[in-house]
Amino acid sequence: MALVSFMLIADLHMTGFELKDGLVCPRLPAHAWWAVDRRYDIMGYLLPIALQQAQTDFKPGFVMFGGDLVDDGFGKYGLGDLTMVRDLARKHCKGKACFLYGNHDGPQAQFEELFGPLNYTFDQGNLRFIVLNTGTMDWEKEEASSRAAIAHLQESLRTAEGRKVIVIAHQWLYPTDVEGYSMAHADEALAALEAYPGTVAVLNGHYHTGKYQEKNGIHYLTAKAFCERPFAYYEYQITADELVCTEYTLKPSQQKFIPGQEQRLKLRR
């Protein structure tokens, strides 16, 4: 029996629309010509379908938006695009939406004003969820923000009082040394997680093709990007002994998302 069930949806890369030669077209960011796999044009359609279906299929305790909510949060439309995603979430998540900063999501101060703290922790029963800001892909620029995130992690682990812990971030905490994909000073975060015996898993996005690794009993699960085929989101259930992950992918002919085989992972003891 699940103690907690929640939804993770990462890397929306949402954009708005614009008039072009008298036509309404999805607004393409400057780099769209090399990011041709991203379906900017249908994100506004698929996101409500996914959120509504999840509420029906497994009634998540909360929905975690795993970073890169928008494609160009730094541009002149960034604030408007972020507001659009926030409003869609409020409409379809029934007040159970949680947000995580991704490297495309614009100035971190602006994101914090819209969505709340960049690093935060919340408990559900005997589970502690720690949400960390991994900043942009530039390690030098993220010195201060990474230090703040690691300090928050260490304090949240210190006060966890034996709870099982799940960390949710945008970039990798493991591997720790891949610039552009790993959080700055990820080795320090990893050391803190391995030292706390109740650490269960780290969930993240950013690497669009998805990934799974295990190290010293901790599970590291990278979500596939929602904005690219197969257009995936995830249901996670925590039981007394297992972390159960189910990937939902779009079946276009039915205009709905179909669950795949459950991935059942034993909890660290």
C-alpha atoms as a PDB file:
ATOM      1  CA  MET A   1       0.000   0.000   0.000  1.00  0.00           C
ATOM      2  CA  ALA A   2       1.382   3.400  -1.010  1.00  0.00           C
ATOM      3  CA  LEU A   3       2.288   5.777   1.785  1.00  0.00           C
ATOM      4  CA  VAL A   4       2.592   8.667  -0.686  1.00  0.00           C
ATOM      5  CA  SER A   5       1.816   9.008  -4.393  1.00  0.00           C
ATOM      6  CA  PHE A   6       2.944  11.978  -6.476  1.00  0.00           C
ATOM      7  CA  MET A   7       3.493  13.091 -10.068  1.00  0.00           C
ATOM      8  CA  LEU A   8       6.704  14.413 -11.615  1.00  0.00           C
ATOM      9  CA  ILE A   9       6.643  16.273 -14.922  1.00  0.00           C
ATOM     10  CA  ALA A  10       9.886  17.866 -16.102  1.00  0.00           C
ATOM     11  CA  ASP A  11      11.221  19.995 -18.940  1.00  0.00           C
ATOM     12  CA  LEU A  12       8.068  21.511 -20.428  1.00  0.00           C
ATOM     13  CA  HIS A  13      10.027  24.223 -22.258  1.00  0.00           C
ATOM     14  CA  MET A  14       6.743  26.086 -22.708  1.00  0.00           C
ATOM     15  CA  THR A  15       6.437  29.058 -25.050  1.00  0.00           C
ATOM     16  CA  GLY A  16       3.546  31.337 -25.922  1.00  0.00           C
ATOM     17  CA  PHE A  17       2.117  32.147 -29.354  1.00  0.00           C
ATOM     18  CA  GLU A  18       2.564  35.028 -31.738  1.00  0.00           C
ATOM     19  CA  LEU A  19       1.095  36.408 -34.949  1.00  0.00           C
ATOM     20  CA  LYS A  20       3.380  35.726 -37.914  1.00  0.00           C
ATOM     21  CA  ASP A  21       2.318  36.700 -41.436  1.00  0.00           C
ATOM     22  CA  GLY A  22      -1.270  36.805 -40.244  1.00  0.00           C
ATOM     23  CA  LEU A  23      -1.083  33.327 -38.670  1.00  0.00           C
ATOM     24  CA  VAL A  24      -1.066  32.313 -35.013  1.00  0.00           C
ATOM     25  CA  CYS A  25       2.156  30.322 -34.509  1.00  0.00           C
ATOM     26  CA  PRO A  26       4.028  28.952 -31.498  1.00  0.00           C
ATOM     27  CA  ARG A  27       6.726  31.426 -30.622  1.00  0.00           C
ATOM     28  CA  LEU A  28      10.090  29.830 -31.350  1.00  0.00           C
ATOM     29  CA  PRO A  29      13.117  30.849 -29.265  1.00  0.00           C
ATOM     30  CA  ALA A  30      16.326  31.731 -31.076  1.00  0.00           C
ATOM     31  CA  HIS A  31      17.867  28.297 -30.485  1.00  0.00           C
ATOM     32  CA  ALA A  32      14.789  26.395 -31.720  1.00  0.00           C
ATOM     33  CA  TRP A  33      16.493  25.623 -35.002  1.00  0.00           C
ATOM     34  CA  TRP A  34      18.851  23.207 -33.309  1.00  0.00           C
ATOM     35  CA  ALA A  35      16.309  22.012 -30.721  1.00  0.00           C
ATOM     36  CA  VAL A  36      13.984  20.709 -33.428  1.00  0.00           C
ATOM     37  CA  ASP A  37      12.786  17.755 -31.346  1.00  0.00           C
ATOM     38  CA  ARG A  38      10.989  20.044 -28.906  1.00  0.00           C
ATOM     39  CA  ARG A  39       7.283  20.288 -29.703  1.00  0.00           C
ATOM     40  CA  TYR A  40       6.644  23.854 -28.609  1.00  0.00           C
ATOM     41  CA  ASP A  41       3.447  23.870 -30.630  1.00  0.00           C
ATOM     42  CA  ILE A  42       1.585  21.228 -28.603  1.00  0.00           C
ATOM     43  CA  MET A  43       2.777  21.791 -25.034  1.00  0.00           C
ATOM     44  CA  GLY A  44      -0.200  24.020 -24.269  1.00  0.00           C
ATOM     45  CA  TYR A  45      -2.476  21.167 -25.302  1.00  0.00           C
ATOM     46  CA  LEU A  46      -0.653  18.240 -23.727  1.00  0.00           C
ATOM     47  CA  LEU A  47      -0.004  19.727 -20.302  1.00  0.00           C
ATOM     48  CA  PRO A  48      -3.700  20.068 -19.308  1.00  0.00           C
ATOM     49  CA  ILE A  49      -4.416  16.576 -20.666  1.00  0.00           C
ATOM     50  CA  ALA A  50      -1.589  15.088 -18.585  1.00  0.00           C
ATOM     51  CA  LEU A  51      -2.562  16.919 -15.400  1.00  0.00           C
ATOM     52  CA  GLN A  52      -6.249  16.092 -15.714  1.00  0.00           C
ATOM     53  CA  GLN A  53      -5.559  12.433 -16.479  1.00  0.00           C
ATOM     54  CA  ALA A  54      -3.237  12.055 -13.499  1.00  0.00           C
ATOM     55  CA  GLN A  55      -5.928  13.407 -11.185  1.00  0.00           C
ATOM     56  CA  THR A  56      -8.240  10.681 -12.488  1.00  0.00           C
ATOM     57  CA  ASP A  57      -5.807   7.776 -12.779  1.00  0.00           C
ATOM     58  CA  PHE A  58      -3.858   7.923  -9.527  1.00  0.00           C
ATOM     59  CA  LYS A  59      -4.813  11.120  -7.664  1.00  0.00           C
ATOM     60  CA  PRO A  60      -1.314  12.366  -6.805  1.00  0.00           C
ATOM     61  CA  GLY A  61      -0.786  13.883  -3.398  1.00  0.00           C
ATOM     62  CA  PHE A  62       1.113  16.640  -5.194  1.00  0.00           C
ATOM     63  CA  VAL A  63       2.451  17.455  -8.659  1.00  0.00           C
ATOM     64  CA  MET A  64       6.125  18.407  -8.921  1.00  0.00           C
ATOM     65  CA  PHE A  65       7.141  20.498 -11.921  1.00  0.00           C
ATOM     66  CA  GLY A  66      10.776  19.472 -12.269  1.00  0.00           C
ATOM     67  CA  GLY A  67      12.357  22.568 -13.810  1.00  0.00           C
ATOM     68  CA  ASP A  68      12.640  24.170 -17.245  1.00  0.00           C
ATOM     69  CA  LEU A  69       9.009  25.144 -17.082  1.00  0.00           C
ATOM     70  CA  VAL A  70       9.652  27.516 -19.985  1.00  0.00           C
ATOM     71  CA  ASP A  71      12.169  27.588 -22.804  1.00  0.00           C
ATOM     72  CA  ASP A  72      13.408  31.170 -22.511  1.00  0.00           C
ATOM     73  CA  GLY A  73      12.771  32.620 -19.085  1.00  0.00           C
ATOM     74  CA  PHE A  74      15.518  35.175 -19.665  1.00  0.00           C
ATOM     75  CA  GLY A  75      13.880  36.749 -22.730  1.00  0.00           C
ATOM     76  CA  LYS A  76      11.299  39.504 -22.915  1.00  0.00           C
ATOM     77  CA  TYR A  77       8.449  36.976 -22.839  1.00  0.00           C
ATOM     78  CA  GLY A  78       9.913  34.951 -19.984  1.00  0.00           C
ATOM     79  CA  LEU A  79       7.779  36.394 -17.213  1.00  0.00           C
ATOM     80  CA  GLY A  80       4.623  35.947 -19.277  1.00  0.00           C
ATOM     81  CA  ASP A  81       5.486  32.349 -20.159  1.00  0.00           C
ATOM     82  CA  LEU A  82       6.241  31.466 -16.535  1.00  0.00           C
ATOM     83  CA  THR A  83       2.974  33.044 -15.436  1.00  0.00           C
ATOM     84  CA  MET A  84       1.138  31.014 -18.079  1.00  0.00           C
ATOM     85  CA  VAL A  85       2.558  27.740 -16.714  1.00  0.00           C
ATOM     86  CA  ARG A  86       1.799  28.752 -13.139  1.00  0.00           C
ATOM     87  CA  ASP A  87      -1.812  29.545 -14.017  1.00  0.00           C
ATOM     88  CA  LEU A  88      -2.258  26.266 -15.917  1.00  0.00           C
ATOM     89  CA  ALA A  89      -0.911  24.394 -12.911  1.00  0.00           C
ATOM     90  CA  ARG A  90      -3.230  26.176 -10.502  1.00  0.00           C
ATOM     91  CA  LYS A  91      -6.197  25.398 -12.720  1.00  0.00           C
ATOM     92  CA  HIS A  92      -5.505  21.687 -13.203  1.00  0.00           C
ATOM     93  CA  CYS A  93      -3.597  20.592 -10.072  1.00  0.00           C
ATOM     94  CA  LYS A  94      -6.242  21.562  -7.531  1.00  0.00           C
ATOM     95  CA  GLY A  95      -3.766  23.535  -5.415  1.00  0.00           C
ATOM     96  CA  LYS A  96      -1.231  20.682  -5.191  1.00  0.00           C
ATOM     97  CA  ALA A  97       1.476  22.058  -7.493  1.00  0.00           C
ATOM     98  CA  CYS A  98       5.127  22.344  -6.443  1.00  0.00           C
ATOM     99  CA  PHE A  99       7.756  24.076  -8.576  1.00  0.00           C
ATOM    100  CA  LEU A 100      11.474  23.631  -9.107  1.00  0.00           C
ATOM    101  CA  TYR A 101      13.852  26.026 -10.852  1.00  0.00           C
ATOM    102  CA  GLY A 102      15.515  24.866 -14.090  1.00  0.00           C
ATOM    103  CA  ASN A 103      18.340  26.477 -16.018  1.00  0.00           C
ATOM    104  CA  HIS A 104      15.968  27.811 -18.717  1.00  0.00           C
ATOM    105  CA  ASP A 105      13.640  29.461 -16.194  1.00  0.00           C
ATOM    106  CA  GLY A 106      15.188  32.920 -16.199  1.00  0.00           C
ATOM    107  CA  PRO A 107      16.477  35.101 -13.362  1.00  0.00           C
ATOM    108  CA  GLN A 108      16.285  33.188 -10.122  1.00  0.00           C
ATOM    109  CA  ALA A 109      14.925  36.195  -8.220  1.00  0.00           C
ATOM    110  CA  GLN A 110      12.047  36.483 -10.690  1.00  0.00           C
ATOM    111  CA  PHE A 111      11.291  32.758 -10.367  1.00  0.00           C
ATOM    112  CA  GLU A 112      11.294  33.063  -6.577  1.00  0.00           C
ATOM    113  CA  GLU A 113       8.806  35.927  -6.705  1.00  0.00           C
ATOM    114  CA  LEU A 114       6.420  33.855  -8.814  1.00  0.00           C
ATOM    115  CA  PHE A 115       6.775  30.429  -7.225  1.00  0.00           C
ATOM    116  CA  GLY A 116       8.293  30.836  -3.768  1.00  0.00           C
ATOM    117  CA  PRO A 117      11.619  29.687  -2.270  1.00  0.00           C
ATOM    118  CA  LEU A 118      14.229  28.153  -4.550  1.00  0.00           C
ATOM    119  CA  ASN A 119      15.172  25.602  -1.882  1.00  0.00           C
ATOM    120  CA  TYR A 120      12.484  24.167   0.364  1.00  0.00           C
ATOM    121  CA  THR A 121      11.492  21.096   2.342  1.00  0.00           C
ATOM    122  CA  PHE A 122       8.150  19.552   3.197  1.00  0.00           C
ATOM    123  CA  ASP A 123       7.096  16.406   5.046  1.00  0.00           C
ATOM    124  CA  GLN A 124       4.380  13.902   4.337  1.00  0.00           C
ATOM    125  CA  GLY A 125       4.105  11.446   7.201  1.00  0.00           C
ATOM    126  CA  ASN A 126       7.423   9.637   7.598  1.00  0.00           C
ATOM    127  CA  LEU A 127       8.755  11.038   4.316  1.00  0.00           C
ATOM    128  CA  ARG A 128      10.770  14.211   3.837  1.00  0.00           C
ATOM    129  CA  PHE A 129      10.985  15.841   0.401  1.00  0.00           C
ATOM    130  CA  ILE A 130      13.930  18.190  -0.144  1.00  0.00           C
ATOM    131  CA  VAL A 131      13.718  20.422  -3.234  1.00  0.00           C
ATOM    132  CA  LEU A 132      17.025  21.937  -4.361  1.00  0.00           C
ATOM    133  CA  ASN A 133      17.913  24.755  -6.739  1.00  0.00           C
ATOM    134  CA  THR A 134      20.703  23.542  -9.035  1.00  0.00           C
ATOM    135  CA  GLY A 135      20.905  26.884 -10.851  1.00  0.00           C
ATOM    136  CA  THR A 136      22.124  27.359 -14.395  1.00  0.00           C
ATOM    137  CA  MET A 137      24.713  25.329 -16.297  1.00  0.00           C
ATOM    138  CA  ASP A 138      27.552  27.733 -15.424  1.00  0.00           C
ATOM    139  CA  TRP A 139      29.415  26.486 -12.332  1.00  0.00           C
ATOM    140  CA  GLU A 140      31.262  29.755 -11.744  1.00  0.00           C
ATOM    141  CA  LYS A 141      28.060  31.802 -11.751  1.00  0.00           C
ATOM    142  CA  GLU A 142      26.336  29.324  -9.442  1.00  0.00           C
ATOM    143  CA  GLU A 143      28.884  29.412  -6.607  1.00  0.00           C
ATOM    144  CA  ALA A 144      26.558  31.277  -4.231  1.00  0.00           C
ATOM    145  CA  SER A 145      23.351  29.466  -5.226  1.00  0.00           C
ATOM    146  CA  SER A 146      24.955  26.014  -4.999  1.00  0.00           C
ATOM    147  CA  ARG A 147      26.302  26.823  -1.538  1.00  0.00           C
ATOM    148  CA  ALA A 148      22.819  27.904  -0.467  1.00  0.00           C
ATOM    149  CA  ALA A 149      21.299  24.697  -1.840  1.00  0.00           C
ATOM    150  CA  ILE A 150      23.865  22.466  -0.122  1.00  0.00           C
ATOM    151  CA  ALA A 151      23.424  24.319   3.169  1.00  0.00           C
ATOM    152  CA  HIS A 152      19.668  23.795   2.895  1.00  0.00           C
ATOM    153  CA  LEU A 153      20.192  20.105   2.156  1.00  0.00           C
ATOM    154  CA  GLN A 154      22.502  19.633   5.133  1.00  0.00           C
ATOM    155  CA  GLU A 155      20.090  21.383   7.497  1.00  0.00           C
ATOM    156  CA  SER A 156      17.093  19.421   6.204  1.00  0.00           C
ATOM    157  CA  LEU A 157      18.963  16.147   6.718  1.00  0.00           C
ATOM    158  CA  ARG A 158      20.096  17.217  10.195  1.00  0.00           C
ATOM    159  CA  THR A 159      16.484  17.819  11.254  1.00  0.00           C
ATOM    160  CA  ALA A 160      14.921  14.868   9.396  1.00  0.00           C
ATOM    161  CA  GLU A 161      14.481  12.874  12.632  1.00  0.00           C
ATOM    162  CA  GLY A 162      14.779   9.493  10.960  1.00  0.00           C
ATOM    163  CA  ARG A 163      12.380  10.160   8.108  1.00  0.00           C
ATOM    164  CA  LYS A 164      13.008   8.632   4.725  1.00  0.00           C
ATOM    165  CA  VAL A 165      14.285  11.330   2.357  1.00  0.00           C
ATOM    166  CA  ILE A 166      13.702  11.994  -1.334  1.00  0.00           C
ATOM    167  CA  VAL A 167      15.594  14.835  -3.016  1.00  0.00           C
ATOM    168  CA  ILE A 168      14.181  16.519  -6.119  1.00  0.00           C
ATOM    169  CA  ALA A 169      16.477  18.686  -8.245  1.00  0.00           C
ATOM    170  CA  HIS A 170      16.744  19.717 -11.885  1.00  0.00           C
ATOM    171  CA  GLN A 171      20.345  18.800 -12.695  1.00  0.00           C
ATOM    172  CA  TRP A 172      22.259  15.695 -11.630  1.00  0.00           C
ATOM    173  CA  LEU A 173      23.632  15.206  -8.147  1.00  0.00           C
ATOM    174  CA  TYR A 174      25.143  11.971  -9.451  1.00  0.00           C
ATOM    175  CA  PRO A 175      27.265  11.801 -11.558  1.00  0.00           C
ATOM    176  CA  THR A 176      28.858  14.769  -9.845  1.00  0.00           C
ATOM    177  CA  ASP A 177      31.439  15.919 -12.394  1.00  0.00           C
ATOM    178  CA  VAL A 178      29.728  16.523 -15.757  1.00  0.00           C
ATOM    179  CA  GLU A 179      29.741  20.273 -16.314  1.00  0.00           C
ATOM    180  CA  GLY A 180      26.480  21.369 -17.899  1.00  0.00           C
ATOM    181  CA  TYR A 181      24.609  18.417 -16.414  1.00  0.00           C
ATOM    182  CA  SER A 182      25.797  18.084 -12.792  1.00  0.00           C
ATOM    183  CA  MET A 183      25.065  20.639 -10.096  1.00  0.00           C
ATOM    184  CA  ALA A 184      28.041  22.717  -9.002  1.00  0.00           C
ATOM    185  CA  HIS A 185      29.673  21.083  -5.940  1.00  0.00           C
ATOM    186  CA  ALA A 186      27.445  18.036  -6.381  1.00  0.00           C
ATOM    187  CA  ASP A 187      30.122  15.928  -4.641  1.00  0.00           C
ATOM    188  CA  GLU A 188      29.344  17.715  -1.366  1.00  0.00           C
ATOM    189  CA  ALA A 189      25.621  17.118  -1.783  1.00  0.00           C
ATOM    190  CA  LEU A 190      26.267  13.456  -2.554  1.00  0.00           C
ATOM    191  CA  ALA A 191      28.427  13.032   0.541  1.00  0.00           C
ATOM    192  CA  ALA A 192      25.657  14.465   2.736  1.00  0.00           C
ATOM    193  CA  LEU A 193      23.053  12.166   1.181  1.00  0.00           C
ATOM    194  CA  GLU A 194      25.168   9.047   1.566  1.00  0.00           C
ATOM    195  CA  ALA A 195      25.909   9.899   5.197  1.00  0.00           C
ATOM    196  CA  TYR A 196      22.192  10.040   6.034  1.00  0.00           C
ATOM    197  CA  PRO A 197      20.916   6.432   6.248  1.00  0.00           C
ATOM    198  CA  GLY A 198      17.317   7.308   5.323  1.00  0.00           C
ATOM    199  CA  THR A 199      18.108   8.695   1.860  1.00  0.00           C
ATOM    200  CA  VAL A 200      15.938   6.844  -0.658  1.00  0.00           C
ATOM    201  CA  ALA A 201      16.310   8.576  -4.030  1.00  0.00           C
ATOM    202  CA  VAL A 202      17.217  11.658  -6.032  1.00  0.00           C
ATOM    203  CA  LEU A 203      14.794  12.602  -8.809  1.00  0.00           C
ATOM    204  CA  ASN A 204      15.726  15.104 -11.513  1.00  0.00           C
ATOM    205  CA  GLY A 205      15.138  16.254 -15.088  1.00  0.00           C
ATOM    206  CA  HIS A 206      17.429  18.251 -17.429  1.00  0.00           C
ATOM    207  CA  TYR A 207      18.869  15.272 -19.361  1.00  0.00           C
ATOM    208  CA  HIS A 208      16.028  14.844 -21.833  1.00  0.00           C
ATOM    209  CA  THR A 209      16.501  11.182 -22.737  1.00  0.00           C
ATOM    210  CA  GLY A 210      16.160  10.010 -19.117  1.00  0.00           C
ATOM    211  CA  LYS A 211      18.461   7.830 -17.055  1.00  0.00           C
ATOM    212  CA  TYR A 212      18.627   5.515 -14.053  1.00  0.00           C
ATOM    213  CA  GLN A 213      21.567   4.711 -11.789  1.00  0.00           C
ATOM    214  CA  GLU A 214      22.041   3.293  -8.310  1.00  0.00           C
ATOM    215  CA  LYS A 215      24.936   4.036  -5.969  1.00  0.00           C
ATOM    216  CA  ASN A 216      25.347   2.793  -2.412  1.00  0.00           C
ATOM    217  CA  GLY A 217      21.653   1.961  -2.162  1.00  0.00           C
ATOM    218  CA  ILE A 218      20.432   5.393  -3.352  1.00  0.00           C
ATOM    219  CA  HIS A 219      18.387   5.511  -6.565  1.00  0.00           C
ATOM    220  CA  TYR A 220      19.043   8.294  -9.085  1.00  0.00           C
ATOM    221  CA  LEU A 221      16.176   8.675 -11.557  1.00  0.00           C
ATOM    222  CA  THR A 222      16.260  11.192 -14.401  1.00  0.00           C
ATOM    223  CA  ALA A 223      12.873  11.938 -15.971  1.00  0.00           C
ATOM    224  CA  LYS A 224      12.494  12.141 -19.731  1.00  0.00           C
ATOM    225  CA  ALA A 225      11.528  15.573 -21.054  1.00  0.00           C
ATOM    226  CA  PHE A 226       7.809  16.168 -21.440  1.00  0.00           C
ATOM    227  CA  CYS A 227       8.425  18.389 -24.470  1.00  0.00           C
ATOM    228  CA  GLU A 228       9.933  15.621 -26.647  1.00  0.00           C
ATOM    229  CA  ARG A 229       8.762  12.206 -27.789  1.00  0.00           C
ATOM    230  CA  PRO A 230       7.590  10.022 -26.134  1.00  0.00           C
ATOM    231  CA  PHE A 231       6.114  12.935 -24.080  1.00  0.00           C
ATOM    232  CA  ALA A 232       6.509  11.323 -20.653  1.00  0.00           C
ATOM    233  CA  TYR A 233       5.482  12.082 -17.106  1.00  0.00           C
ATOM    234  CA  TYR A 234       5.869   9.941 -13.984  1.00  0.00           C
ATOM    235  CA  GLU A 235       3.885   8.517 -11.117  1.00  0.00           C
ATOM    236  CA  TYR A 236       5.879   7.720  -7.985  1.00  0.00           C
ATOM    237  CA  GLN A 237       4.572   5.671  -5.090  1.00  0.00           C
ATOM    238  CA  ILE A 238       6.425   5.123  -1.833  1.00  0.00           C
ATOM    239  CA  THR A 239       5.524   1.999   0.130  1.00  0.00           C
ATOM    240  CA  ALA A 240       7.096   0.693   3.311  1.00  0.00           C
ATOM    241  CA  ASP A 241       9.730  -1.183   1.295  1.00  0.00           C
ATOM    242  CA  GLU A 242       9.769   0.153  -2.258  1.00  0.00           C
ATOM    243  CA  LEU A 243       9.883   3.162  -4.528  1.00  0.00           C
ATOM    244  CA  VAL A 244       7.575   2.378  -7.440  1.00  0.00           C
ATOM    245  CA  CYS A 245       7.999   4.402 -10.639  1.00  0.00           C
ATOM    246  CA  THR A 246       5.541   4.284 -13.546  1.00  0.00           C
ATOM    247  CA  GLU A 247       6.243   6.169 -16.764  1.00  0.00           C
ATOM    248  CA  TYR A 248       3.236   7.468 -18.683  1.00  0.00           C
ATOM    249  CA  THR A 249       3.753   8.217 -22.382  1.00  0.00           C
ATOM    250  CA  LEU A 250       1.472   9.775 -24.976  1.00  0.00           C
ATOM    251  CA  LYS A 251      -0.582   7.543 -27.266  1.00  0.00           C
ATOM    252  CA  PRO A 252      -1.588  10.064 -29.957  1.00  0.00           C
ATOM    253  CA  SER A 253      -4.359   7.970 -31.497  1.00  0.00           C
ATOM    254  CA  GLN A 254      -6.197   7.970 -28.158  1.00  0.00           C
ATOM    255  CA  GLN A 255      -5.168  11.486 -27.089  1.00  0.00           C
ATOM    256  CA  LYS A 256      -4.183  10.108 -23.701  1.00  0.00           C
ATOM    257  CA  PHE A 257      -1.163   8.894 -21.768  1.00  0.00           C
ATOM    258  CA  ILE A 258      -0.569   5.164 -21.306  1.00  0.00           C
ATOM    259  CA  PRO A 259       1.251   3.691 -18.289  1.00  0.00           C
ATOM    260  CA  GLY A 260       4.265   1.483 -18.876  1.00  0.00           C
ATOM    261  CA  GLN A 261       5.615  -1.299 -16.694  1.00  0.00           C
ATOM    262  CA  GLU A 262       6.237  -0.428 -13.059  1.00  0.00           C
ATOM    263  CA  GLN A 263       9.852  -0.035 -11.974  1.00  0.00           C
ATOM    264  CA  ARG A 264      10.034  -1.363  -8.410  1.00  0.00           C
ATOM    265  CA  LEU A 265      13.101  -0.263  -6.446  1.00  0.00           C
ATOM    266  CA  LYS A 266      13.947  -1.506  -2.973  1.00  0.00           C
ATOM    267  CA  LEU A 267      14.411   1.192  -0.342  1.00  0.00           C
ATOM    268  CA  ARG A 268      17.822   1.630   1.217  1.00  0.00           C
ATOM    269  CA  ARG A 269      18.170   0.025   4.641  1.00  0.00           C
END
